[in-house]
Amino acid sequence: MRRQCSLLGIARSGLSYEPKGESSENLHLMRLLDEQYTRRPFYGVRKMTDWLHGLGYNVDVKRVRRLLRLMGLEAIYPKPKLSAGGPEHRKFPYLLRGLSIRRPDQVWAADITYLRLRHGFAYLVAIMDWYSRYVLSWSVSNTLEAGFCVAALDDALRLGTPEISNTDQGSQFTSEDYLGRLERAKVRISMDGRGRFLDNILVERLWRTVKYEDIFLHEYETVSDARRGLAQYFPFYNDERTHETLGYLTPGQVYRQGLMPGAAR
């Protein structure tokens, strides 16, 4: 073991190290922040900090910022001077500007949200057909590594192939594994411009619905519990829950039957 550690350039003590999770106090604050973000997605770090102060919590801006970043939550509002991306990944243009979305599988959207558990947290990714609001696939993970997003994409591509895939510029969606799947399927890749706060608004609405109708109600204990619960919720969302914007049809009806031409956007 000493020789192997020497070859790898790591300390032997690191082999037995287990990362320390968030404190119970921080987990409680994250639950509060998640609920407030769902109600008020335009709240930034300072407004969230002031809101927690109003509840009697003595927290500073740095702590709230760190927790929001850990949760992957960012206020939805226009942000200046954020259009120039860094050189760390391949860039793709935003293809939805002025586009009339008139049929299923014309545009898919993918996004990730924080998923609270009773004694911890996880992350949920979903891939949704933009026209019908149909959730093609989803996956839950306790880390933000790209693998669970790639797995969700593989599941979605078994159902069909979109003309365009739209995501934000997160590392999961700019990974070579994720992009490679889309390129091999000859899908045009669209990415939200930095600071374009309404680009993926339909998926943001999905998260609000999922949290109020399932996550906040059930208080899942573990990642496995959350997977089992969501495996029951998403069929309900797709095939039983009607949407006013879909003419009181379900996403499944619109996606599978191509109903409601021209009225889904």
C-alpha atoms as a PDB file:
ATOM      1  CA  MET A   1       0.000   0.000   0.000  1.00  0.00           C
ATOM      2  CA  ARG A   2       2.904   2.335   0.834  1.00  0.00           C
ATOM      3  CA  ARG A   3       4.416   1.681  -2.615  1.00  0.00           C
ATOM      4  CA  GLN A   4       1.109   2.231  -4.420  1.00  0.00           C
ATOM      5  CA  CYS A   5       0.527   5.506  -2.591  1.00  0.00           C
ATOM      6  CA  SER A   6       4.040   6.618  -3.482  1.00  0.00           C
ATOM      7  CA  LEU A   7       3.484   5.845  -7.173  1.00  0.00           C
ATOM      8  CA  LEU A   8       0.181   7.718  -7.185  1.00  0.00           C
ATOM      9  CA  GLY A   9       1.589  10.651  -5.231  1.00  0.00           C
ATOM     10  CA  ILE A  10      -1.030  10.522  -2.472  1.00  0.00           C
ATOM     11  CA  ALA A  11      -0.794  10.253   1.314  1.00  0.00           C
ATOM     12  CA  ARG A  12      -1.684   6.944   2.945  1.00  0.00           C
ATOM     13  CA  SER A  13      -3.896   8.812   5.409  1.00  0.00           C
ATOM     14  CA  GLY A  14      -6.072   9.884   2.506  1.00  0.00           C
ATOM     15  CA  LEU A  15      -7.199   6.321   1.879  1.00  0.00           C
ATOM     16  CA  SER A  16      -9.151   6.177   5.123  1.00  0.00           C
ATOM     17  CA  TYR A  17     -10.428   9.770   4.943  1.00  0.00           C
ATOM     18  CA  GLU A  18     -14.186  10.175   4.703  1.00  0.00           C
ATOM     19  CA  PRO A  19     -15.469  13.616   3.695  1.00  0.00           C
ATOM     20  CA  LYS A  20     -17.411  15.313   6.444  1.00  0.00           C
ATOM     21  CA  GLY A  21     -20.992  16.002   5.462  1.00  0.00           C
ATOM     22  CA  GLU A  22     -22.887  19.192   6.120  1.00  0.00           C
ATOM     23  CA  SER A  23     -23.886  19.894   9.718  1.00  0.00           C
ATOM     24  CA  SER A  24     -27.485  19.435  10.785  1.00  0.00           C
ATOM     25  CA  GLU A  25     -27.751  23.223  11.079  1.00  0.00           C
ATOM     26  CA  ASN A  26     -26.594  23.725   7.493  1.00  0.00           C
ATOM     27  CA  LEU A  27     -28.956  21.018   6.256  1.00  0.00           C
ATOM     28  CA  HIS A  28     -31.802  22.821   8.006  1.00  0.00           C
ATOM     29  CA  LEU A  29     -30.776  26.120   6.402  1.00  0.00           C
ATOM     30  CA  MET A  30     -30.620  24.422   3.009  1.00  0.00           C
ATOM     31  CA  ARG A  31     -34.158  23.145   3.440  1.00  0.00           C
ATOM     32  CA  LEU A  32     -35.349  26.660   4.233  1.00  0.00           C
ATOM     33  CA  LEU A  33     -33.442  28.122   1.293  1.00  0.00           C
ATOM     34  CA  ASP A  34     -34.849  25.499  -1.060  1.00  0.00           C
ATOM     35  CA  GLU A  35     -38.419  26.278   0.002  1.00  0.00           C
ATOM     36  CA  GLN A  36     -37.897  30.029  -0.288  1.00  0.00           C
ATOM     37  CA  TYR A  37     -36.197  29.669  -3.675  1.00  0.00           C
ATOM     38  CA  THR A  38     -39.155  27.637  -4.917  1.00  0.00           C
ATOM     39  CA  ARG A  39     -41.468  30.446  -3.802  1.00  0.00           C
ATOM     40  CA  ARG A  40     -39.175  33.332  -4.759  1.00  0.00           C
ATOM     41  CA  PRO A  41     -36.690  32.204  -7.455  1.00  0.00           C
ATOM     42  CA  PHE A  42     -35.650  35.833  -8.032  1.00  0.00           C
ATOM     43  CA  TYR A  43     -34.100  36.112  -4.544  1.00  0.00           C
ATOM     44  CA  GLY A  44     -30.324  36.483  -4.664  1.00  0.00           C
ATOM     45  CA  VAL A  45     -27.778  35.850  -1.929  1.00  0.00           C
ATOM     46  CA  ARG A  46     -28.375  39.105  -0.051  1.00  0.00           C
ATOM     47  CA  LYS A  47     -32.152  38.829  -0.111  1.00  0.00           C
ATOM     48  CA  MET A  48     -31.910  35.230   1.086  1.00  0.00           C
ATOM     49  CA  THR A  49     -29.574  36.324   3.883  1.00  0.00           C
ATOM     50  CA  ASP A  50     -31.940  39.110   4.949  1.00  0.00           C
ATOM     51  CA  TRP A  51     -34.858  36.677   4.843  1.00  0.00           C
ATOM     52  CA  LEU A  52     -33.026  34.239   7.147  1.00  0.00           C
ATOM     53  CA  HIS A  53     -32.180  37.123   9.484  1.00  0.00           C
ATOM     54  CA  GLY A  54     -35.903  37.878   9.649  1.00  0.00           C
ATOM     55  CA  LEU A  55     -36.493  34.297  10.786  1.00  0.00           C
ATOM     56  CA  GLY A  56     -33.938  34.725  13.562  1.00  0.00           C
ATOM     57  CA  TYR A  57     -30.941  32.932  12.004  1.00  0.00           C
ATOM     58  CA  ASN A  58     -27.548  34.578  12.499  1.00  0.00           C
ATOM     59  CA  VAL A  59     -25.898  33.791   9.161  1.00  0.00           C
ATOM     60  CA  ASP A  60     -23.603  35.842   6.967  1.00  0.00           C
ATOM     61  CA  VAL A  61     -23.589  36.348   3.205  1.00  0.00           C
ATOM     62  CA  LYS A  62     -20.595  34.044   2.660  1.00  0.00           C
ATOM     63  CA  ARG A  63     -22.336  31.110   4.302  1.00  0.00           C
ATOM     64  CA  VAL A  64     -25.572  31.613   2.372  1.00  0.00           C
ATOM     65  CA  ARG A  65     -23.654  31.956  -0.898  1.00  0.00           C
ATOM     66  CA  ARG A  66     -21.780  28.704  -0.266  1.00  0.00           C
ATOM     67  CA  LEU A  67     -24.955  26.794   0.541  1.00  0.00           C
ATOM     68  CA  LEU A  68     -26.785  28.135  -2.500  1.00  0.00           C
ATOM     69  CA  ARG A  69     -23.852  27.149  -4.711  1.00  0.00           C
ATOM     70  CA  LEU A  70     -23.787  23.684  -3.151  1.00  0.00           C
ATOM     71  CA  MET A  71     -27.491  23.384  -3.957  1.00  0.00           C
ATOM     72  CA  GLY A  72     -27.018  24.654  -7.492  1.00  0.00           C
ATOM     73  CA  LEU A  73     -29.489  27.514  -6.932  1.00  0.00           C
ATOM     74  CA  GLU A  74     -29.089  30.882  -8.606  1.00  0.00           C
ATOM     75  CA  ALA A  75     -31.523  33.768  -8.635  1.00  0.00           C
ATOM     76  CA  ILE A  76     -33.524  34.127 -11.840  1.00  0.00           C
ATOM     77  CA  TYR A  77     -32.967  37.676 -13.023  1.00  0.00           C
ATOM     78  CA  PRO A  78     -30.944  39.416 -15.741  1.00  0.00           C
ATOM     79  CA  LYS A  79     -27.257  39.620 -14.850  1.00  0.00           C
ATOM     80  CA  PRO A  80     -24.928  42.174 -16.497  1.00  0.00           C
ATOM     81  CA  LYS A  81     -21.606  41.385 -18.170  1.00  0.00           C
ATOM     82  CA  LEU A  82     -21.956  37.625 -17.952  1.00  0.00           C
ATOM     83  CA  SER A  83     -22.154  36.827 -21.664  1.00  0.00           C
ATOM     84  CA  ALA A  84     -18.451  36.049 -22.104  1.00  0.00           C
ATOM     85  CA  GLY A  85     -17.911  32.420 -21.148  1.00  0.00           C
ATOM     86  CA  GLY A  86     -14.657  30.919 -20.067  1.00  0.00           C
ATOM     87  CA  PRO A  87     -12.434  28.695 -22.234  1.00  0.00           C
ATOM     88  CA  GLU A  88     -13.024  25.555 -20.173  1.00  0.00           C
ATOM     89  CA  HIS A  89     -15.536  23.839 -22.476  1.00  0.00           C
ATOM     90  CA  ARG A  90     -16.815  23.833 -26.031  1.00  0.00           C
ATOM     91  CA  LYS A  91     -19.310  26.592 -26.791  1.00  0.00           C
ATOM     92  CA  PHE A  92     -22.576  26.204 -28.658  1.00  0.00           C
ATOM     93  CA  PRO A  93     -24.980  28.924 -29.781  1.00  0.00           C
ATOM     94  CA  TYR A  94     -28.446  29.501 -28.388  1.00  0.00           C
ATOM     95  CA  LEU A  95     -30.786  28.191 -31.103  1.00  0.00           C
ATOM     96  CA  LEU A  96     -34.224  28.938 -29.642  1.00  0.00           C
ATOM     97  CA  ARG A  97     -34.335  32.696 -30.182  1.00  0.00           C
ATOM     98  CA  GLY A  98     -37.391  33.388 -32.356  1.00  0.00           C
ATOM     99  CA  LEU A  99     -37.963  29.672 -32.962  1.00  0.00           C
ATOM    100  CA  SER A 100     -41.602  28.543 -33.252  1.00  0.00           C
ATOM    101  CA  ILE A 101     -41.891  25.208 -31.448  1.00  0.00           C
ATOM    102  CA  ARG A 102     -44.764  23.324 -33.105  1.00  0.00           C
ATOM    103  CA  ARG A 103     -44.257  19.588 -32.586  1.00  0.00           C
ATOM    104  CA  PRO A 104     -42.951  16.948 -30.168  1.00  0.00           C
ATOM    105  CA  ASP A 105     -39.244  16.105 -30.361  1.00  0.00           C
ATOM    106  CA  GLN A 106     -38.452  19.435 -31.953  1.00  0.00           C
ATOM    107  CA  VAL A 107     -36.718  20.715 -28.783  1.00  0.00           C
ATOM    108  CA  TRP A 108     -35.719  18.916 -25.612  1.00  0.00           C
ATOM    109  CA  ALA A 109     -34.597  20.750 -22.483  1.00  0.00           C
ATOM    110  CA  ALA A 110     -32.558  19.363 -19.584  1.00  0.00           C
ATOM    111  CA  ASP A 111     -31.817  20.779 -16.153  1.00  0.00           C
ATOM    112  CA  ILE A 112     -30.730  19.813 -12.628  1.00  0.00           C
ATOM    113  CA  THR A 113     -32.315  20.729  -9.306  1.00  0.00           C
ATOM    114  CA  TYR A 114     -31.420  20.313  -5.641  1.00  0.00           C
ATOM    115  CA  LEU A 115     -33.404  17.529  -3.969  1.00  0.00           C
ATOM    116  CA  ARG A 116     -33.752  17.710  -0.216  1.00  0.00           C
ATOM    117  CA  LEU A 117     -33.893  14.576   1.908  1.00  0.00           C
ATOM    118  CA  ARG A 118     -34.736  14.275   5.582  1.00  0.00           C
ATOM    119  CA  HIS A 119     -31.098  13.891   6.619  1.00  0.00           C
ATOM    120  CA  GLY A 120     -29.196  15.044   3.565  1.00  0.00           C
ATOM    121  CA  PHE A 121     -29.670  16.002  -0.054  1.00  0.00           C
ATOM    122  CA  ALA A 122     -29.276  14.806  -3.635  1.00  0.00           C
ATOM    123  CA  TYR A 123     -29.722  16.110  -7.170  1.00  0.00           C
ATOM    124  CA  LEU A 124     -32.423  15.431  -9.758  1.00  0.00           C
ATOM    125  CA  VAL A 125     -31.990  15.790 -13.513  1.00  0.00           C
ATOM    126  CA  ALA A 126     -34.875  15.669 -15.976  1.00  0.00           C
ATOM    127  CA  ILE A 127     -35.081  15.777 -19.750  1.00  0.00           C
ATOM    128  CA  MET A 128     -38.322  17.294 -20.997  1.00  0.00           C
ATOM    129  CA  ASP A 129     -39.907  17.723 -24.406  1.00  0.00           C
ATOM    130  CA  TRP A 130     -40.434  21.483 -24.715  1.00  0.00           C
ATOM    131  CA  TYR A 131     -43.614  21.334 -26.819  1.00  0.00           C
ATOM    132  CA  SER A 132     -45.584  18.860 -24.710  1.00  0.00           C
ATOM    133  CA  ARG A 133     -43.907  19.299 -21.261  1.00  0.00           C
ATOM    134  CA  TYR A 134     -43.499  15.507 -21.295  1.00  0.00           C
ATOM    135  CA  VAL A 135     -40.709  14.251 -19.003  1.00  0.00           C
ATOM    136  CA  LEU A 136     -38.830  11.778 -21.166  1.00  0.00           C
ATOM    137  CA  SER A 137     -36.390  10.660 -18.495  1.00  0.00           C
ATOM    138  CA  TRP A 138     -34.977  11.566 -15.115  1.00  0.00           C
ATOM    139  CA  SER A 139     -32.272  10.428 -12.712  1.00  0.00           C
ATOM    140  CA  VAL A 140     -31.235  11.061  -9.099  1.00  0.00           C
ATOM    141  CA  SER A 141     -27.668  11.233  -7.776  1.00  0.00           C
ATOM    142  CA  ASN A 142     -25.958  12.223  -4.536  1.00  0.00           C
ATOM    143  CA  THR A 143     -23.184  13.972  -6.506  1.00  0.00           C
ATOM    144  CA  LEU A 144     -23.042  16.434  -9.387  1.00  0.00           C
ATOM    145  CA  GLU A 145     -20.796  14.275 -11.551  1.00  0.00           C
ATOM    146  CA  ALA A 146     -21.921  14.012 -15.177  1.00  0.00           C
ATOM    147  CA  GLY A 147     -22.747  10.292 -15.107  1.00  0.00           C
ATOM    148  CA  PHE A 148     -26.343  10.562 -13.941  1.00  0.00           C
ATOM    149  CA  CYS A 149     -27.104  13.174 -16.619  1.00  0.00           C
ATOM    150  CA  VAL A 150     -25.586  10.957 -19.312  1.00  0.00           C
ATOM    151  CA  ALA A 151     -27.689   8.030 -18.054  1.00  0.00           C
ATOM    152  CA  ALA A 152     -30.848  10.156 -18.269  1.00  0.00           C
ATOM    153  CA  LEU A 153     -29.934  11.207 -21.801  1.00  0.00           C
ATOM    154  CA  ASP A 154     -29.404   7.579 -22.825  1.00  0.00           C
ATOM    155  CA  ASP A 155     -32.867   6.708 -21.483  1.00  0.00           C
ATOM    156  CA  ALA A 156     -34.454   9.626 -23.339  1.00  0.00           C
ATOM    157  CA  LEU A 157     -32.775   8.745 -26.637  1.00  0.00           C
ATOM    158  CA  ARG A 158     -34.356   5.294 -26.456  1.00  0.00           C
ATOM    159  CA  LEU A 159     -37.742   7.027 -26.788  1.00  0.00           C
ATOM    160  CA  GLY A 160     -36.857   9.330 -29.658  1.00  0.00           C
ATOM    161  CA  THR A 161     -34.408  11.856 -31.055  1.00  0.00           C
ATOM    162  CA  PRO A 162     -34.885  15.604 -30.833  1.00  0.00           C
ATOM    163  CA  GLU A 163     -33.905  18.087 -33.482  1.00  0.00           C
ATOM    164  CA  ILE A 164     -32.425  20.398 -30.815  1.00  0.00           C
ATOM    165  CA  SER A 165     -31.238  19.808 -27.244  1.00  0.00           C
ATOM    166  CA  ASN A 166     -31.133  22.898 -25.020  1.00  0.00           C
ATOM    167  CA  THR A 167     -29.322  23.114 -21.666  1.00  0.00           C
ATOM    168  CA  ASP A 168     -27.413  25.602 -19.593  1.00  0.00           C
ATOM    169  CA  GLN A 169     -23.604  25.649 -19.633  1.00  0.00           C
ATOM    170  CA  GLY A 170     -23.187  23.481 -16.543  1.00  0.00           C
ATOM    171  CA  SER A 171     -20.262  21.070 -16.475  1.00  0.00           C
ATOM    172  CA  GLN A 172     -22.577  18.046 -16.646  1.00  0.00           C
ATOM    173  CA  PHE A 173     -24.054  19.184 -19.965  1.00  0.00           C
ATOM    174  CA  THR A 174     -20.745  20.339 -21.434  1.00  0.00           C
ATOM    175  CA  SER A 175     -18.942  17.091 -20.616  1.00  0.00           C
ATOM    176  CA  GLU A 176     -17.622  15.186 -23.623  1.00  0.00           C
ATOM    177  CA  ASP A 177     -19.724  12.145 -22.680  1.00  0.00           C
ATOM    178  CA  TYR A 178     -22.956  14.167 -22.784  1.00  0.00           C
ATOM    179  CA  LEU A 179     -22.072  16.140 -25.908  1.00  0.00           C
ATOM    180  CA  GLY A 180     -20.797  13.017 -27.650  1.00  0.00           C
ATOM    181  CA  ARG A 181     -24.140  11.253 -27.192  1.00  0.00           C
ATOM    182  CA  LEU A 182     -25.945  14.172 -28.823  1.00  0.00           C
ATOM    183  CA  GLU A 183     -23.472  14.495 -31.672  1.00  0.00           C
ATOM    184  CA  ARG A 184     -23.629  10.789 -32.505  1.00  0.00           C
ATOM    185  CA  ALA A 185     -27.425  11.073 -32.625  1.00  0.00           C
ATOM    186  CA  LYS A 186     -27.032  14.104 -34.946  1.00  0.00           C
ATOM    187  CA  VAL A 187     -28.846  16.405 -32.515  1.00  0.00           C
ATOM    188  CA  ARG A 188     -28.252  20.143 -32.814  1.00  0.00           C
ATOM    189  CA  ILE A 189     -26.891  21.472 -29.520  1.00  0.00           C
ATOM    190  CA  SER A 190     -28.216  24.704 -28.026  1.00  0.00           C
ATOM    191  CA  MET A 191     -26.931  26.290 -24.838  1.00  0.00           C
ATOM    192  CA  ASP A 192     -28.395  29.123 -22.805  1.00  0.00           C
ATOM    193  CA  GLY A 193     -26.398  32.321 -23.003  1.00  0.00           C
ATOM    194  CA  ARG A 194     -24.840  33.353 -19.718  1.00  0.00           C
ATOM    195  CA  GLY A 195     -27.218  35.745 -18.021  1.00  0.00           C
ATOM    196  CA  ARG A 196     -30.223  34.609 -20.118  1.00  0.00           C
ATOM    197  CA  PHE A 197     -32.448  33.926 -17.152  1.00  0.00           C
ATOM    198  CA  LEU A 198     -35.581  32.780 -19.023  1.00  0.00           C
ATOM    199  CA  ASP A 199     -33.987  30.319 -21.460  1.00  0.00           C
ATOM    200  CA  ASN A 200     -35.012  27.172 -19.566  1.00  0.00           C
ATOM    201  CA  ILE A 201     -38.064  28.550 -17.773  1.00  0.00           C
ATOM    202  CA  LEU A 202     -40.276  25.564 -18.618  1.00  0.00           C
ATOM    203  CA  VAL A 203     -37.999  23.217 -16.685  1.00  0.00           C
ATOM    204  CA  GLU A 204     -37.923  25.686 -13.785  1.00  0.00           C
ATOM    205  CA  ARG A 205     -41.726  25.448 -13.698  1.00  0.00           C
ATOM    206  CA  LEU A 206     -41.428  21.661 -13.688  1.00  0.00           C
ATOM    207  CA  TRP A 207     -39.178  21.817 -10.608  1.00  0.00           C
ATOM    208  CA  ARG A 208     -41.684  23.989  -8.792  1.00  0.00           C
ATOM    209  CA  THR A 209     -44.449  21.482  -9.544  1.00  0.00           C
ATOM    210  CA  VAL A 210     -42.393  18.434  -8.550  1.00  0.00           C
ATOM    211  CA  LYS A 211     -41.309  19.972  -5.259  1.00  0.00           C
ATOM    212  CA  TYR A 212     -44.733  21.185  -4.170  1.00  0.00           C
ATOM    213  CA  GLU A 213     -46.602  18.071  -5.279  1.00  0.00           C
ATOM    214  CA  ASP A 214     -44.093  15.408  -4.238  1.00  0.00           C
ATOM    215  CA  ILE A 215     -40.781  16.316  -2.562  1.00  0.00           C
ATOM    216  CA  PHE A 216     -42.088  18.694   0.108  1.00  0.00           C
ATOM    217  CA  LEU A 217     -45.004  16.387   0.897  1.00  0.00           C
ATOM    218  CA  HIS A 218     -43.140  13.115   1.367  1.00  0.00           C
ATOM    219  CA  GLU A 219     -39.900  14.066   3.149  1.00  0.00           C
ATOM    220  CA  TYR A 220     -37.896  11.200   1.647  1.00  0.00           C
ATOM    221  CA  GLU A 221     -35.317   9.645   3.948  1.00  0.00           C
ATOM    222  CA  THR A 222     -32.755   8.391   1.425  1.00  0.00           C
ATOM    223  CA  VAL A 223     -31.817   8.637  -2.230  1.00  0.00           C
ATOM    224  CA  SER A 224     -33.418   5.224  -2.793  1.00  0.00           C
ATOM    225  CA  ASP A 225     -36.657   6.440  -1.200  1.00  0.00           C
ATOM    226  CA  ALA A 226     -36.626   9.488  -3.464  1.00  0.00           C
ATOM    227  CA  ARG A 227     -36.116   7.325  -6.552  1.00  0.00           C
ATOM    228  CA  ARG A 228     -39.033   5.092  -5.602  1.00  0.00           C
ATOM    229  CA  GLY A 229     -41.284   8.051  -4.904  1.00  0.00           C
ATOM    230  CA  LEU A 230     -40.404   9.889  -8.112  1.00  0.00           C
ATOM    231  CA  ALA A 231     -40.903   6.667 -10.069  1.00  0.00           C
ATOM    232  CA  GLN A 232     -44.544   6.949  -8.995  1.00  0.00           C
ATOM    233  CA  TYR A 233     -44.844  10.716  -9.401  1.00  0.00           C
ATOM    234  CA  PHE A 234     -43.530  11.196 -12.942  1.00  0.00           C
ATOM    235  CA  PRO A 235     -46.032   8.756 -14.541  1.00  0.00           C
ATOM    236  CA  PHE A 236     -48.752  10.761 -12.779  1.00  0.00           C
ATOM    237  CA  TYR A 237     -47.254  14.010 -14.063  1.00  0.00           C
ATOM    238  CA  ASN A 238     -46.983  12.696 -17.618  1.00  0.00           C
ATOM    239  CA  ASP A 239     -50.239  10.780 -18.005  1.00  0.00           C
ATOM    240  CA  GLU A 240     -52.746  11.961 -15.400  1.00  0.00           C
ATOM    241  CA  ARG A 241     -52.008  15.574 -14.521  1.00  0.00           C
ATOM    242  CA  THR A 242     -53.622  17.921 -17.052  1.00  0.00           C
ATOM    243  CA  HIS A 243     -52.120  21.322 -17.870  1.00  0.00           C
ATOM    244  CA  GLU A 244     -54.070  24.477 -18.577  1.00  0.00           C
ATOM    245  CA  THR A 245     -51.420  25.587 -21.090  1.00  0.00           C
ATOM    246  CA  LEU A 246     -51.915  22.288 -22.929  1.00  0.00           C
ATOM    247  CA  GLY A 247     -55.650  22.807 -23.299  1.00  0.00           C
ATOM    248  CA  TYR A 248     -56.275  20.587 -20.245  1.00  0.00           C
ATOM    249  CA  LEU A 249     -54.586  17.616 -21.871  1.00  0.00           C
ATOM    250  CA  THR A 250     -51.789  15.629 -20.268  1.00  0.00           C
ATOM    251  CA  PRO A 251     -48.177  15.884 -21.465  1.00  0.00           C
ATOM    252  CA  GLY A 252     -48.388  12.235 -22.520  1.00  0.00           C
ATOM    253  CA  GLN A 253     -51.394  12.879 -24.754  1.00  0.00           C
ATOM    254  CA  VAL A 254     -49.679  15.797 -26.439  1.00  0.00           C
ATOM    255  CA  TYR A 255     -46.332  14.037 -26.820  1.00  0.00           C
ATOM    256  CA  ARG A 256     -47.572  10.665 -28.075  1.00  0.00           C
ATOM    257  CA  GLN A 257     -50.490  11.820 -30.181  1.00  0.00           C
ATOM    258  CA  GLY A 258     -49.224  15.188 -31.363  1.00  0.00           C
ATOM    259  CA  LEU A 259     -52.402  16.876 -30.178  1.00  0.00           C
ATOM    260  CA  MET A 260     -52.929  20.605 -29.778  1.00  0.00           C
ATOM    261  CA  PRO A 261     -50.973  21.759 -32.841  1.00  0.00           C
ATOM    262  CA  GLY A 262     -49.382  25.169 -32.418  1.00  0.00           C
ATOM    263  CA  ALA A 263     -50.866  25.824 -28.975  1.00  0.00           C
ATOM    264  CA  ALA A 264     -48.180  24.560 -26.598  1.00  0.00           C
ATOM    265  CA  ARG A 265     -46.083  27.649 -26.546  1.00  0.00           C
END
